[in-house]
C-alpha cells in the first residue's frame, strides 16, 4: 500500500479535508503541525481539515511530494488560482479612469503601473513593494478601477484607504486626478465622520483614526466587554488599501490588530510599501495575515516555517528567510507580490551622487561630548541589571544632538521602575539637552548652499530642535526657507511644499517623522542630511521625496551627509546598512544593500 494524502474541498467551498493513508500515516499526520494554516480534527476521526487557501495547497505540495493527491474540486480550484495569478497584462482603459493633471493636461499610466494593477486585480489581494517614487498610489487606484470595471467587487461597495496622516490629502488628490470616483478625507469630529458615511465611493482615513473607527465588533466574554463595530467597519468596504503597510509590524499594537482585521475581512485588500520590513523578515507576518488570514493565522507558525532564527530567549533573533523555504515562499506569493526598482522602470531619473562632509566639534564642545559619552558608558549597569532599550535610545539620541550643535544641558528627575525590585518605582536623574547656536552642522549647511547658487535644497533631520536651529541660521544667511515639521495643519504643510516646488523657497527643512512619506520635493537637486534617523525606512524614504517621478529635470540628485567626526554619527550609518541587508534579502535585490548611503 502506497502513502497518499487525499485532499478535497468541502461542499460549502470553505475548507479542505485531508485524509492520509498508507504505512507512514503517523509520520504524514505529524507533518501537519509544520504547516502555517490551522489544522483541526474532523469526522471521520482519522481525517483533519483546514480553511481553503493558496498557502495551504503550496505547502502540502512541497511537504508531501508524490503523496499529495488533490481531488477533482480542489484541482479545479487550483487551476483557477493559477490562471488568476498568472493573468496577462490588460491595458483596456477602465471607464472610470481619467488621468488629468492640475493644469488640465492628460496623464497616462506607465506600462509597469498597468502590470502592477493587473497583478493586484488578479486575486484582489496582494502586496505592492515598488520603490518609493515609482507611483504605487496610481497603480493601486488603477487596480481598483479594473476591479470595478470587471464587476469583481460591487460597484456600490466603497473603497477605504488607511494611510499615514502626512499623505491623507495626497491620496484624496490622486483619486480625483485619476478617476471619476467621489472621494473624501475621513476626519473631523465623530459627528462629522458619521455624516460622511454613504457620501462617497472612496474614504481616506489615517492610521490614528482607523485605530478606533475600523475596530471589529466583539461579543461580551468573561474577560472582555461587548464591543460595537467602528464607523469604518460598518461601511463594509469592498476594497481596503493599506499604505505604508510596514506600520503594522508591531503585531500586538491596537493599530496593527485593528487594521489587519479590517483589511482581512474585505473582499479585496492591497498592502503598499517601498520598505515592507524595517528590521527582519518577521516584520512581514502581520501583513501576510491581513492578505491571507486563512493561510497565515499565527506568527509562531509563520516564523517556524519561513524565518531562520538563532536560538535564544522567546523567539530568538531573526536572521532572514530559511534558504530551503525560499522557493516555497515565492510560490505561496505567486501573483500576489510585486516589486519594481526605480532603476529598472524609471530609467530617465537622474543618478544619485553621494558625499559625506565631515565637521569637527569645536574644542569646548568636543570635551563636553566626550565627557558625556564616557559618563554614559561608566553608568552602564552590571550583568545583574539590564539597561532598558528606552534608556539606551534616550542616551543615543542625546549624543546625536550634542554632535550637531551647542546645547543647554540640564538634569531632570523622573520615576522609573526599579530593576532590582520589579513593580516598585524609584527616582533617577536623566540628562536633557536643548540645542542652540552655534551649530557646526548648520554652518556647514550654509557653506553647501553658498557653493550651489541657484540650486534648491531639501534638508532633513529627525530632531525638531536641529531643524529649528538650522532654520534660524539659514534664514539669517539670506535664504528663503520653508518648513515641514510636526504640529502643522495639512494646509500649512502643503502650502510650504507648494512654495518650494514653485521656486518661492530656496531651502525646505523637514523632520523625517513629519516629512519622510507623502512629500514630493522634486524641485530639489540637492538633499542634505544634518542627521540620519536610526530607521532605514525613514532614511531611504526621505531621499526618495526628491528622487522620484518629476526629478528627471535635474542632471543628478546630490545627497550630502554632514557627519561629526568621532561621534555616534558613524555608528548610526552602520545600523542603517545592517537593516538594508534584511530588506535586500526579502526583495531579492542586492542593489539595495550595495547602494545604501552611496555604497561606501
Protein backbone atom coordinates (compact mmCIF):
# COMPACT_ATOMS: atom_id res chain seq x y z
CA UNK A 1 0.00 0.00 0.00
CA UNK A 2 1.38 3.38 -1.04
CA UNK A 3 1.34 6.51 1.08
CA UNK A 4 -1.24 9.08 -0.01
CA UNK A 5 -2.62 12.35 1.30
CA UNK A 6 -6.06 12.81 -0.21
CA UNK A 7 -7.44 16.36 -0.19
CA UNK A 8 -10.80 17.72 -1.28
CA UNK A 9 -12.84 20.88 -0.86
CA UNK A 10 -15.91 20.62 1.36
CA UNK A 11 -19.38 21.12 -0.07
CA UNK A 12 -19.56 24.71 1.19
CA UNK A 13 -16.29 25.54 -0.63
CA UNK A 14 -14.69 26.95 2.52
CA UNK A 15 -12.44 24.19 3.82
CA UNK A 16 -10.20 21.33 2.69
CA UNK A 17 -10.47 17.84 4.21
CA UNK A 18 -7.15 15.98 4.44
CA UNK A 19 -7.27 12.19 4.64
CA UNK A 20 -3.87 10.44 4.87
CA UNK A 21 -3.45 6.72 4.16
CA UNK A 22 -0.55 4.28 3.92
CA UNK A 23 2.10 2.69 6.13
CA UNK A 24 3.58 6.06 7.12
CA UNK A 25 0.27 7.62 8.17
CA UNK A 26 1.55 8.75 11.63
CA UNK A 27 4.53 10.47 10.01
CA UNK A 28 2.29 12.23 7.48
CA UNK A 29 -0.07 13.34 10.22
CA UNK A 30 2.80 14.67 12.33
CA UNK A 31 3.86 16.91 9.46
CA UNK A 32 0.58 18.85 9.70
CA UNK A 33 1.99 20.71 12.70
CA UNK A 34 4.60 22.34 10.43
CA UNK A 35 2.03 24.00 8.12
CA UNK A 36 1.10 27.64 8.64
CA UNK A 37 -2.73 27.22 8.33
CA UNK A 38 -4.66 25.99 11.36
CA UNK A 39 -5.36 22.25 11.16
CA UNK A 40 -8.32 20.86 13.14
CA UNK A 41 -9.71 17.31 13.59
CA UNK A 42 -12.82 16.32 11.70
CA UNK A 43 -15.02 13.30 11.01
CA UNK A 44 -14.02 10.60 10.34
CA UNK A 45 -11.58 10.83 13.27
CA UNK A 46 -8.56 9.89 11.15
CA UNK A 47 -9.00 12.99 8.94
CA UNK A 48 -8.32 16.67 9.51
CA UNK A 49 -9.40 19.87 7.80
CA UNK A 50 -8.14 23.40 7.25
CA UNK A 51 -9.50 26.62 5.73
CA UNK A 52 -9.09 26.69 1.95
CA UNK A 53 -6.12 28.86 0.96
CA UNK A 54 -3.36 29.01 -1.64
CA UNK A 55 -0.58 28.77 1.00
CA UNK A 56 -2.13 25.51 2.25
CA UNK A 57 -2.02 23.97 -1.22
CA UNK A 58 1.54 25.14 -1.89
CA UNK A 59 2.81 23.86 1.45
CA UNK A 60 1.11 20.48 1.02
CA UNK A 61 2.57 20.05 -2.46
CA UNK A 62 6.05 20.99 -1.19
CA UNK A 63 5.95 18.98 2.03
CA UNK A 64 4.39 15.83 0.56
CA UNK A 65 5.80 15.45 -2.98
CA UNK A 66 4.38 12.41 -4.73
CA UNK A 67 1.97 11.86 -1.83
CA UNK A 68 -0.34 14.88 -2.03
CA UNK A 69 -3.41 13.94 -4.13
CA UNK A 70 -5.93 16.77 -4.61
CA UNK A 71 -9.48 15.74 -5.51
CA UNK A 72 -11.38 16.97 -8.58
CA UNK A 73 -12.95 20.03 -6.95
CA UNK A 74 -9.62 21.07 -5.40
CA UNK A 75 -7.82 20.56 -8.72
CA UNK A 76 -10.35 22.81 -10.43
CA UNK A 77 -9.89 25.49 -7.75
CA UNK A 78 -6.09 25.28 -8.06
CA UNK A 79 -6.31 25.70 -11.84
CA UNK A 80 -8.46 28.81 -11.40
CA UNK A 81 -5.96 30.22 -8.92
CA UNK A 82 -3.04 29.69 -11.28
CA UNK A 83 -4.92 31.43 -14.10
CA UNK A 84 -5.74 34.41 -11.84
CA UNK A 85 -2.18 34.65 -10.53
CA UNK A 86 -0.56 34.47 -13.98
CA UNK A 87 -3.08 36.50 -15.97
CA UNK A 88 -1.61 38.58 -18.83
CA UNK A 89 -1.44 42.35 -18.62
CA UNK A 90 -4.62 44.01 -19.89
CA UNK A 91 -4.31 47.70 -20.77
CA UNK A 92 -8.01 48.15 -21.57
CA UNK A 93 -8.90 51.54 -20.16
CA UNK A 94 -11.48 51.31 -17.33
CA UNK A 95 -14.39 53.72 -17.91
CA UNK A 96 -13.79 55.48 -14.57
CA UNK A 97 -10.13 56.26 -15.37
CA UNK A 98 -9.46 59.91 -16.22
CA UNK A 99 -5.85 60.98 -15.60
CA UNK A 100 -5.99 64.77 -15.62
CA UNK A 101 -3.19 66.84 -14.10
CA UNK A 102 -3.81 70.00 -12.07
CA UNK A 103 -3.05 72.10 -15.15
CA UNK A 104 -5.62 70.17 -17.22
CA UNK A 105 -3.16 68.12 -19.28
CA UNK A 106 -3.79 64.40 -19.81
CA UNK A 107 -1.82 61.82 -17.83
CA UNK A 108 -1.35 58.16 -18.72
CA UNK A 109 -0.34 55.20 -16.57
CA UNK A 110 3.11 53.80 -17.28
CA UNK A 111 3.45 50.21 -18.57
CA UNK A 112 4.72 48.87 -15.23
CA UNK A 113 1.76 50.52 -13.47
CA UNK A 114 -0.67 48.65 -15.75
CA UNK A 115 1.28 45.48 -14.96
CA UNK A 116 1.05 46.03 -11.20
CA UNK A 117 -2.64 46.90 -11.38
CA UNK A 118 -3.42 43.71 -13.29
CA UNK A 119 -1.50 41.67 -10.72
CA UNK A 120 -3.41 43.21 -7.82
CA UNK A 121 -6.74 42.80 -9.61
CA UNK A 122 -5.94 39.16 -10.47
CA UNK A 123 -6.55 37.80 -6.98
CA UNK A 124 -7.81 41.01 -5.38
CA UNK A 125 -5.34 40.56 -2.52
CA UNK A 126 -1.68 41.41 -2.82
CA UNK A 127 1.46 43.33 -1.99
CA UNK A 128 2.94 46.22 -3.95
CA UNK A 129 6.52 46.77 -2.82
CA UNK A 130 7.67 49.06 -5.64
CA UNK A 131 10.35 51.62 -4.77
CA UNK A 132 9.23 54.92 -3.30
CA UNK A 133 8.69 57.43 -6.10
CA UNK A 134 7.51 54.92 -8.72
CA UNK A 135 3.81 55.75 -8.33
CA UNK A 136 2.35 52.96 -6.17
CA UNK A 137 -0.66 55.20 -5.49
CA UNK A 138 -1.55 55.32 -9.18
CA UNK A 139 -1.06 51.56 -9.54
CA UNK A 140 -3.42 50.84 -6.64
CA UNK A 141 -6.07 53.25 -7.96
CA UNK A 142 -5.84 51.64 -11.39
CA UNK A 143 -6.32 48.19 -9.79
CA UNK A 144 -9.48 49.43 -8.04
CA UNK A 145 -10.87 50.76 -11.32
CA UNK A 146 -10.12 47.48 -13.12
CA UNK A 147 -11.88 45.50 -10.39
CA UNK A 148 -14.93 47.75 -10.61
CA UNK A 149 -14.98 47.56 -14.43
CA UNK A 150 -14.83 43.76 -14.29
CA UNK A 151 -17.60 43.57 -11.70
CA UNK A 152 -15.33 41.65 -9.33
CA UNK A 153 -16.35 43.93 -6.46
CA UNK A 154 -19.76 45.53 -6.02
CA UNK A 155 -19.91 48.91 -7.72
CA UNK A 156 -21.69 50.26 -4.63
CA UNK A 157 -19.08 48.88 -2.22
CA UNK A 158 -16.83 51.67 -1.00
CA UNK A 159 -13.03 51.77 -1.03
CA UNK A 160 -11.23 52.63 2.20
CA UNK A 161 -7.60 53.80 2.21
CA UNK A 162 -5.69 53.62 5.50
CA UNK A 163 -2.52 55.71 5.39
CA UNK A 164 -0.21 57.96 7.45
CA UNK A 165 -1.67 61.37 8.24
CA UNK A 166 1.03 63.02 6.13
CA UNK A 167 -0.32 61.50 2.90
CA UNK A 168 -4.07 61.62 3.53
CA UNK A 169 -4.67 64.67 1.36
CA UNK A 170 -2.35 63.36 -1.36
CA UNK A 171 -4.49 60.19 -1.66
CA UNK A 172 -7.60 62.36 -1.99
CA UNK A 173 -5.95 64.42 -4.73
CA UNK A 174 -4.71 61.29 -6.53
CA UNK A 175 -8.18 59.72 -6.72
CA UNK A 176 -9.56 62.99 -8.06
CA UNK A 177 -6.81 63.28 -10.69
CA UNK A 178 -7.02 59.69 -11.89
CA UNK A 179 -10.68 58.71 -11.55
CA UNK A 180 -14.27 59.87 -11.59
CA UNK A 181 -14.88 58.33 -8.16
CA UNK A 182 -16.05 60.63 -5.37
CA UNK A 183 -13.52 60.72 -2.53
CA UNK A 184 -13.42 62.33 0.91
CA UNK A 185 -10.89 62.57 3.73
CA UNK A 186 -12.32 60.61 6.67
CA UNK A 187 -11.58 63.00 9.54
CA UNK A 188 -13.09 65.55 11.89
CA UNK A 189 -15.38 65.09 14.87
CA UNK A 190 -17.25 61.79 15.43
CA UNK A 191 -20.48 63.51 14.32
CA UNK A 192 -18.83 64.69 11.10
CA UNK A 193 -17.48 61.20 10.37
CA UNK A 194 -20.96 59.77 10.96
CA UNK A 195 -22.33 62.20 8.36
CA UNK A 196 -19.63 61.18 5.85
CA UNK A 197 -20.83 57.56 5.74
CA UNK A 198 -22.60 56.85 2.46
CA UNK A 199 -21.50 60.08 0.77
CA UNK A 200 -18.54 58.85 -1.32
CA UNK A 201 -17.03 55.99 -3.30
CA UNK A 202 -13.68 56.33 -1.51
CA UNK A 203 -12.83 57.21 2.09
CA UNK A 204 -9.25 58.06 3.05
CA UNK A 205 -8.52 57.54 6.76
CA UNK A 206 -5.35 57.89 8.80
CA UNK A 207 -3.93 55.12 10.94
CA UNK A 208 -4.77 57.19 14.02
CA UNK A 209 -8.45 57.38 13.09
CA UNK A 210 -8.60 53.76 11.94
CA UNK A 211 -7.44 52.56 15.36
CA UNK A 212 -10.95 53.37 16.61
CA UNK A 213 -13.14 53.61 13.51
CA UNK A 214 -12.01 50.33 11.93
CA UNK A 215 -12.37 48.31 15.13
CA UNK A 216 -14.16 44.99 14.74
CA UNK A 217 -17.25 44.04 16.80
CA UNK A 218 -16.93 41.59 19.66
CA UNK A 219 -19.46 39.76 21.78
CA UNK A 220 -19.09 40.01 25.53
CA UNK A 221 -16.95 37.33 27.17
CA UNK A 222 -15.86 36.57 30.72
CA UNK A 223 -12.72 38.68 30.21
CA UNK A 224 -13.82 41.32 27.68
CA UNK A 225 -16.92 43.53 27.48
CA UNK A 226 -19.05 43.76 24.35
CA UNK A 227 -17.57 45.98 21.63
CA UNK A 228 -19.53 47.75 18.93
CA UNK A 229 -18.25 47.86 15.36
CA UNK A 230 -16.33 51.00 14.42
CA UNK A 231 -17.61 53.52 11.88
CA UNK A 232 -15.29 52.35 9.10
CA UNK A 233 -16.09 48.71 9.82
CA UNK A 234 -19.79 49.46 9.35
CA UNK A 235 -19.07 50.80 5.86
CA UNK A 236 -18.34 47.18 4.84
CA UNK A 237 -15.80 48.22 2.18
CA UNK A 238 -15.25 46.13 -0.92
CA UNK A 239 -11.59 47.22 -1.18
CA UNK A 240 -9.14 48.24 1.55
CA UNK A 241 -5.80 49.82 0.62
CA UNK A 242 -3.19 49.92 3.40
CA UNK A 243 -0.45 52.40 2.51
CA UNK A 244 2.98 52.26 4.20
CA UNK A 245 1.92 48.83 5.47
CA UNK A 246 5.15 48.38 7.45
CA UNK A 247 3.29 50.43 10.08
CA UNK A 248 1.58 47.15 11.05
CA UNK A 249 4.83 45.41 12.05
CA UNK A 250 4.09 45.54 15.80
CA UNK A 251 1.62 42.66 15.91
CA UNK A 252 0.41 43.41 19.46
CA UNK A 253 -0.42 47.10 18.94
CA UNK A 254 -4.05 48.14 18.64
CA UNK A 255 -3.23 49.76 15.30
CA UNK A 256 -1.86 46.53 13.84
CA UNK A 257 -4.61 44.30 15.22
CA UNK A 258 -7.41 46.62 14.08
CA UNK A 259 -6.15 47.39 10.58
CA UNK A 260 -5.18 43.82 9.70
CA UNK A 261 -8.59 42.52 10.87
CA UNK A 262 -10.28 45.30 8.87
CA UNK A 263 -8.30 44.56 5.72
CA UNK A 264 -8.53 40.80 6.15
CA UNK A 265 -12.31 40.99 6.17
CA UNK A 266 -12.59 42.95 2.89
CA UNK A 267 -13.22 41.26 -0.45
CA UNK A 268 -10.01 42.85 -1.75
CA UNK A 269 -7.02 44.27 0.10
CA UNK A 270 -3.79 45.83 -1.17
CA UNK A 271 -0.76 46.41 1.07
CA UNK A 272 1.71 49.04 -0.19
CA UNK A 273 5.23 49.87 0.96
CA UNK A 274 8.59 50.61 -0.60
CA UNK A 275 10.21 49.26 2.57
CA UNK A 276 7.98 46.39 3.78
CA UNK A 277 10.29 45.32 6.62
CA UNK A 278 12.09 47.66 8.98
CA UNK A 279 14.25 45.15 10.87
CA UNK A 280 13.75 41.48 9.86
CA UNK A 281 11.51 39.33 7.66
CA UNK A 282 9.46 38.56 10.78
CA UNK A 283 8.05 42.10 10.43
CA UNK A 284 6.13 40.87 7.38
CA UNK A 285 3.80 38.48 9.24
CA UNK A 286 1.04 40.97 10.22
CA UNK A 287 0.64 41.92 6.55
CA UNK A 288 0.74 38.27 5.46
CA UNK A 289 -2.06 37.61 7.94
CA UNK A 290 -4.06 40.53 6.51
CA UNK A 291 -3.62 39.49 2.87
CA UNK A 292 -4.42 35.83 3.61
CA UNK A 293 -5.90 35.31 7.10
CA UNK A 294 -6.58 31.62 6.45
CA UNK A 295 -3.07 30.94 5.21
CA UNK A 296 -1.13 32.75 7.95
CA UNK A 297 -3.28 32.91 11.11
CA UNK A 298 -0.41 32.88 13.61
CA UNK A 299 3.06 34.43 13.74
CA UNK A 300 4.64 31.45 15.52
CA UNK A 301 3.81 29.04 12.69
CA UNK A 302 4.93 31.57 10.08
CA UNK A 303 8.24 32.08 11.90
CA UNK A 304 8.83 28.36 12.41
CA UNK A 305 8.29 27.61 8.74
CA UNK A 306 9.89 30.54 6.96
CA UNK A 307 12.18 32.51 9.29
CA UNK A 308 15.73 31.47 10.11
CA UNK A 309 16.44 32.34 13.73
CA UNK A 310 19.17 31.92 16.29
CA UNK A 311 18.49 30.02 19.48
CA UNK A 312 17.70 32.24 22.41
CA UNK A 313 15.04 33.54 24.73
CA UNK A 314 11.49 33.74 23.40
CA UNK A 315 11.70 33.72 19.57
CA UNK A 316 15.43 34.16 19.11
CA UNK A 317 16.95 36.63 16.70
CA UNK A 318 15.61 36.53 13.14
CA UNK A 319 18.39 36.15 10.55
CA UNK A 320 16.31 36.03 7.36
CA UNK A 321 14.29 33.60 5.28
CA UNK A 322 15.01 29.90 5.62
CA UNK A 323 17.10 29.21 2.49
CA UNK A 324 15.41 25.89 1.79
CA UNK A 325 11.96 27.54 2.03
CA UNK A 326 12.71 30.39 -0.41
CA UNK A 327 11.18 28.66 -3.45
CA UNK A 328 8.07 27.65 -1.50
CA UNK A 329 7.71 31.17 -0.06
CA UNK A 330 7.85 32.65 -3.56
CA UNK A 331 5.28 30.13 -4.82
CA UNK A 332 2.96 30.90 -1.90
CA UNK A 333 3.01 34.56 -3.00
CA UNK A 334 2.64 33.80 -6.71
CA UNK A 335 0.69 36.61 -8.35
CA UNK A 336 0.30 38.49 -5.05
CA UNK A 337 3.66 40.21 -4.80
CA UNK A 338 5.41 42.75 -6.99
CA UNK A 339 8.47 44.90 -6.58
CA UNK A 340 9.89 47.27 -9.16
CA UNK A 341 13.10 49.18 -8.52
CA UNK A 342 13.33 52.74 -9.78
CA UNK A 343 16.49 51.83 -11.66
CA UNK A 344 14.50 49.28 -13.69
CA UNK A 345 11.40 51.29 -14.62
CA UNK A 346 12.35 54.97 -14.32
CA UNK A 347 15.47 54.96 -16.43
CA UNK A 348 15.03 58.66 -17.09
CA UNK A 349 15.58 59.53 -13.43
CA UNK A 350 18.90 61.23 -12.66
CA UNK A 351 21.58 59.30 -10.74
CA UNK A 352 22.08 59.80 -7.03
CA UNK A 353 25.50 61.20 -6.17
CA UNK A 354 26.51 60.66 -2.54
CA UNK A 355 29.10 62.50 -0.50
CA UNK A 356 30.00 62.94 3.17
CA UNK A 357 31.19 66.22 4.63
CA UNK A 358 32.88 65.79 7.99
CA UNK A 359 32.90 68.56 10.55
CA UNK A 360 34.89 68.90 13.74
CA UNK A 361 33.32 69.70 17.07
CA UNK A 362 34.86 72.89 18.49
CA UNK A 363 37.26 72.10 21.32
CA UNK A 364 35.00 73.19 24.18
CA UNK A 365 32.05 71.22 22.81
CA UNK A 366 34.25 68.24 21.93
CA UNK A 367 35.15 67.92 25.60
CA UNK A 368 31.51 68.15 26.67
CA UNK A 369 30.54 65.44 24.18
CA UNK A 370 33.38 63.10 25.18
CA UNK A 371 32.71 63.62 28.89
CA UNK A 372 29.02 62.80 28.48
CA UNK A 373 29.75 59.72 26.36
CA UNK A 374 32.27 58.49 28.94
CA UNK A 375 29.79 59.13 31.74
CA UNK A 376 27.10 57.14 29.95
CA UNK A 377 29.48 54.22 29.40
CA UNK A 378 30.60 54.33 33.03
CA UNK A 379 26.99 54.20 34.21
CA UNK A 380 26.15 51.06 32.23
CA UNK A 381 24.90 48.56 34.82
CA UNK A 382 26.50 45.22 35.53
CA UNK A 383 25.26 41.86 34.30
CA UNK A 384 22.67 41.59 37.06
CA UNK A 385 20.82 44.68 35.75
CA UNK A 386 19.74 45.02 32.15
CA UNK A 387 19.64 48.55 30.77
CA UNK A 388 16.25 49.16 29.16
CA UNK A 389 16.02 49.73 25.43
CA UNK A 390 14.31 53.06 26.06
CA UNK A 391 17.20 54.25 28.23
CA UNK A 392 19.75 53.25 25.59
CA UNK A 393 17.75 55.03 22.90
CA UNK A 394 17.46 58.17 25.01
CA UNK A 395 21.23 58.19 25.60
CA UNK A 396 21.98 57.74 21.92
CA UNK A 397 19.53 60.47 20.97
CA UNK A 398 21.21 62.82 23.43
CA UNK A 399 24.63 62.07 21.93
CA UNK A 400 23.21 62.63 18.45
CA UNK A 401 22.03 66.08 19.44
CA UNK A 402 25.32 67.04 21.07
CA UNK A 403 27.16 66.05 17.88
CA UNK A 404 25.22 68.73 15.98
CA UNK A 405 25.22 71.93 17.97
CA UNK A 406 25.75 73.65 21.28
CA UNK A 407 23.19 72.83 23.92
CA UNK A 408 21.92 73.82 27.30
CA UNK A 409 22.37 70.57 29.23
CA UNK A 410 20.40 70.01 32.40
CA UNK A 411 19.12 67.15 34.53
CA UNK A 412 15.57 66.20 35.42
CA UNK A 413 14.26 63.76 38.00
CA UNK A 414 11.96 61.05 36.67
CA UNK A 415 10.31 57.98 38.14
CA UNK A 416 11.26 54.60 36.69
CA UNK A 417 10.74 51.00 37.68
CA UNK A 418 13.45 49.65 39.99
CA UNK A 419 15.33 46.96 38.00
CA UNK A 420 16.15 45.13 41.25
CA UNK A 421 12.58 45.32 42.61
CA UNK A 422 10.07 44.98 39.75
CA UNK A 423 6.85 46.84 40.42
CA UNK A 424 8.49 49.43 42.64
CA UNK A 425 9.23 52.94 41.38
CA UNK A 426 12.40 54.88 42.12
CA UNK A 427 13.56 58.40 41.28
CA UNK A 428 16.55 58.76 38.96
CA UNK A 429 18.23 61.68 37.25
CA UNK A 430 18.21 61.95 33.48
CA UNK A 431 20.25 64.30 31.31
CA UNK A 432 18.37 66.53 28.86
CA UNK A 433 19.64 68.97 26.23
CA UNK A 434 18.15 71.94 24.37
CA UNK A 435 20.02 72.72 21.15
CA UNK A 436 21.03 76.28 20.30
CA UNK A 437 23.53 78.20 18.19
CA UNK A 438 26.33 77.81 17.39
CA UNK A 439 25.89 74.71 15.25
CA UNK A 440 28.82 73.43 13.26
CA UNK A 441 26.48 71.32 11.17
CA UNK A 442 24.27 74.31 10.33
CA UNK A 443 27.42 76.30 9.48
CA UNK A 444 28.37 73.55 7.03
CA UNK A 445 24.84 73.58 5.60
CA UNK A 446 25.17 77.30 4.86
CA UNK A 447 28.51 76.57 3.15
CA UNK A 448 26.76 73.92 0.99
CA UNK A 449 24.13 76.49 -0.01
CA UNK A 450 26.74 79.15 -0.78
CA UNK A 451 28.60 76.71 -3.04
CA UNK A 452 25.46 75.94 -5.09
CA UNK A 453 23.85 79.26 -6.04
CA UNK A 454 20.50 78.85 -7.73
CA UNK A 455 20.01 75.23 -6.68
CA UNK A 456 17.13 74.32 -4.41
CA UNK A 457 17.98 72.18 -1.39
CA UNK A 458 15.95 69.83 0.84
CA UNK A 459 17.31 69.40 4.37
CA UNK A 460 16.39 66.51 6.68
CA UNK A 461 16.97 65.65 10.33
CA UNK A 462 15.00 63.59 12.86
CA UNK A 463 15.44 66.27 15.57
CA UNK A 464 12.99 69.18 15.52
CA UNK A 465 15.47 71.15 17.62
CA UNK A 466 18.17 70.68 14.98
CA UNK A 467 15.78 71.76 12.23
CA UNK A 468 14.84 74.88 14.21
CA UNK A 469 18.50 75.83 14.80
CA UNK A 470 19.35 75.25 11.12
CA UNK A 471 16.28 77.22 10.01
CA UNK A 472 17.35 80.22 12.07
CA UNK A 473 20.92 80.18 10.75
CA UNK A 474 19.96 79.57 7.10
CA UNK A 475 17.36 82.37 7.16
CA UNK A 476 19.91 84.70 8.76
CA UNK A 477 22.24 83.92 5.85
CA UNK A 478 19.61 85.34 3.48
CA UNK A 479 18.00 82.19 2.09
CA UNK A 480 14.23 81.81 1.66
CA UNK A 481 13.05 78.90 3.80
CA UNK A 482 10.04 76.60 4.04
CA UNK A 483 9.36 74.15 6.89
CA UNK A 484 7.67 70.76 7.20
CA UNK A 485 7.57 69.79 10.88
CA UNK A 486 5.23 68.23 13.37
CA UNK A 487 2.25 70.27 14.58
CA UNK A 488 1.41 71.84 11.20
CA UNK A 489 -2.07 71.54 9.74
CA UNK A 490 -2.34 69.71 6.40
CA UNK A 491 -2.98 73.08 4.71
CA UNK A 492 0.15 74.67 6.24
CA UNK A 493 2.27 71.71 5.31
CA UNK A 494 1.03 71.68 1.72
CA UNK A 495 1.47 75.45 1.37
CA UNK A 496 5.15 75.12 2.34
CA UNK A 497 5.67 72.23 -0.09
CA UNK A 498 3.93 74.13 -2.90
CA UNK A 499 6.06 77.22 -2.23
CA UNK A 500 9.22 75.14 -2.53
CA UNK A 501 8.02 73.37 -5.67
CA UNK A 502 7.15 76.73 -7.29
CA UNK A 503 10.60 78.07 -6.54
CA UNK A 504 9.42 80.57 -3.94
CA UNK A 505 11.75 78.96 -1.34
CA UNK A 506 15.43 78.14 -1.74
CA UNK A 507 15.51 75.62 1.09
CA UNK A 508 12.93 73.33 2.67
CA UNK A 509 13.80 71.97 6.12
CA UNK A 510 12.00 68.76 7.08
CA UNK A 511 11.86 66.49 10.12
CA UNK A 512 11.96 62.87 8.96
CA UNK A 513 8.97 61.92 11.12
CA UNK A 514 6.77 64.67 9.63
CA UNK A 515 8.02 64.51 6.04
CA UNK A 516 9.50 61.08 5.48
CA UNK A 517 6.49 59.99 3.41
CA UNK A 518 3.92 61.68 1.25
CA UNK A 519 6.01 64.63 0.06
CA UNK A 520 7.06 65.41 -3.48
CA UNK A 521 10.10 67.67 -3.41
CA UNK A 522 11.35 67.20 -6.95
CA UNK A 523 12.40 70.86 -7.20
CA UNK A 524 15.41 69.91 -5.06
CA UNK A 525 18.58 68.89 -6.84
CA UNK A 526 20.44 68.65 -3.51
CA UNK A 527 19.46 66.69 -0.38
CA UNK A 528 21.30 67.34 2.89
CA UNK A 529 21.06 65.16 5.98
CA UNK A 530 22.06 67.04 9.13
CA UNK A 531 21.39 63.75 10.92
CA UNK A 532 20.32 60.34 9.71
CA UNK A 533 17.45 58.68 11.58
CA UNK A 534 18.14 55.26 13.09
CA UNK A 535 15.36 53.83 10.93
CA UNK A 536 16.46 52.60 7.49
CA UNK A 537 12.87 53.14 6.33
CA UNK A 538 12.88 56.83 7.26
CA UNK A 539 16.39 57.35 5.89
CA UNK A 540 15.63 55.85 2.47
CA UNK A 541 12.16 57.36 2.14
CA UNK A 542 13.49 60.83 2.92
CA UNK A 543 15.88 60.53 -0.05
CA UNK A 544 13.01 59.41 -2.24
CA UNK A 545 10.99 62.58 -1.56
CA UNK A 546 13.32 64.19 -4.10
CA UNK A 547 14.35 61.24 -6.29
CA UNK A 548 11.04 60.24 -7.90
CA UNK A 549 8.90 60.90 -10.96
CA UNK A 550 9.42 64.58 -11.74
CA UNK A 551 13.10 64.75 -10.73
CA UNK A 552 14.22 64.00 -14.29
CA UNK A 553 14.54 67.77 -14.74
CA UNK A 554 17.91 67.51 -12.93
CA UNK A 555 21.17 66.02 -14.21
CA UNK A 556 21.71 64.35 -10.81
CA UNK A 557 20.41 64.35 -7.25
CA UNK A 558 23.25 65.16 -4.88
CA UNK A 559 22.86 63.60 -1.42
CA UNK A 560 25.15 65.03 1.23
CA UNK A 561 25.56 63.70 4.78
CA UNK A 562 27.05 66.15 7.26
CA UNK A 563 28.80 63.93 9.80
CA UNK A 564 30.51 65.00 13.02
CA UNK A 565 33.90 63.30 13.34
CA UNK A 566 34.36 60.64 16.02
CA UNK A 567 30.74 60.68 17.20
CA UNK A 568 27.68 58.45 17.18
CA UNK A 569 27.01 59.59 13.57
CA UNK A 570 29.26 56.84 12.15
CA UNK A 571 27.58 54.14 14.23
CA UNK A 572 24.18 55.29 13.01
CA UNK A 573 25.24 54.73 9.40
CA UNK A 574 26.35 51.17 10.24
CA UNK A 575 22.92 50.38 11.71
CA UNK A 576 21.20 51.65 8.55
CA UNK A 577 23.36 49.36 6.39
CA UNK A 578 22.52 46.30 8.52
CA UNK A 579 18.78 46.98 8.21
CA UNK A 580 19.15 47.48 4.44
CA UNK A 581 20.57 43.97 4.20
CA UNK A 582 17.39 42.41 5.59
CA UNK A 583 15.25 44.24 3.03
CA UNK A 584 17.59 43.29 0.17
CA UNK A 585 17.22 39.61 1.06
CA UNK A 586 13.41 39.73 1.17
CA UNK A 587 13.09 41.61 -2.14
CA UNK A 588 15.90 39.60 -3.76
CA UNK A 589 17.62 42.79 -4.87
CA UNK A 590 21.27 43.06 -3.72
CA UNK A 591 21.41 46.59 -5.14
CA UNK A 592 19.61 47.83 -2.02
CA UNK A 593 22.50 46.99 0.27
CA UNK A 594 25.14 47.87 -2.33
CA UNK A 595 23.71 51.33 -2.93
CA UNK A 596 22.51 52.38 0.53
CA UNK A 597 24.28 55.57 1.64
CA UNK A 598 26.12 55.59 -1.65
CA UNK A 599 27.60 52.12 -1.13
CA UNK A 600 30.74 53.42 0.56
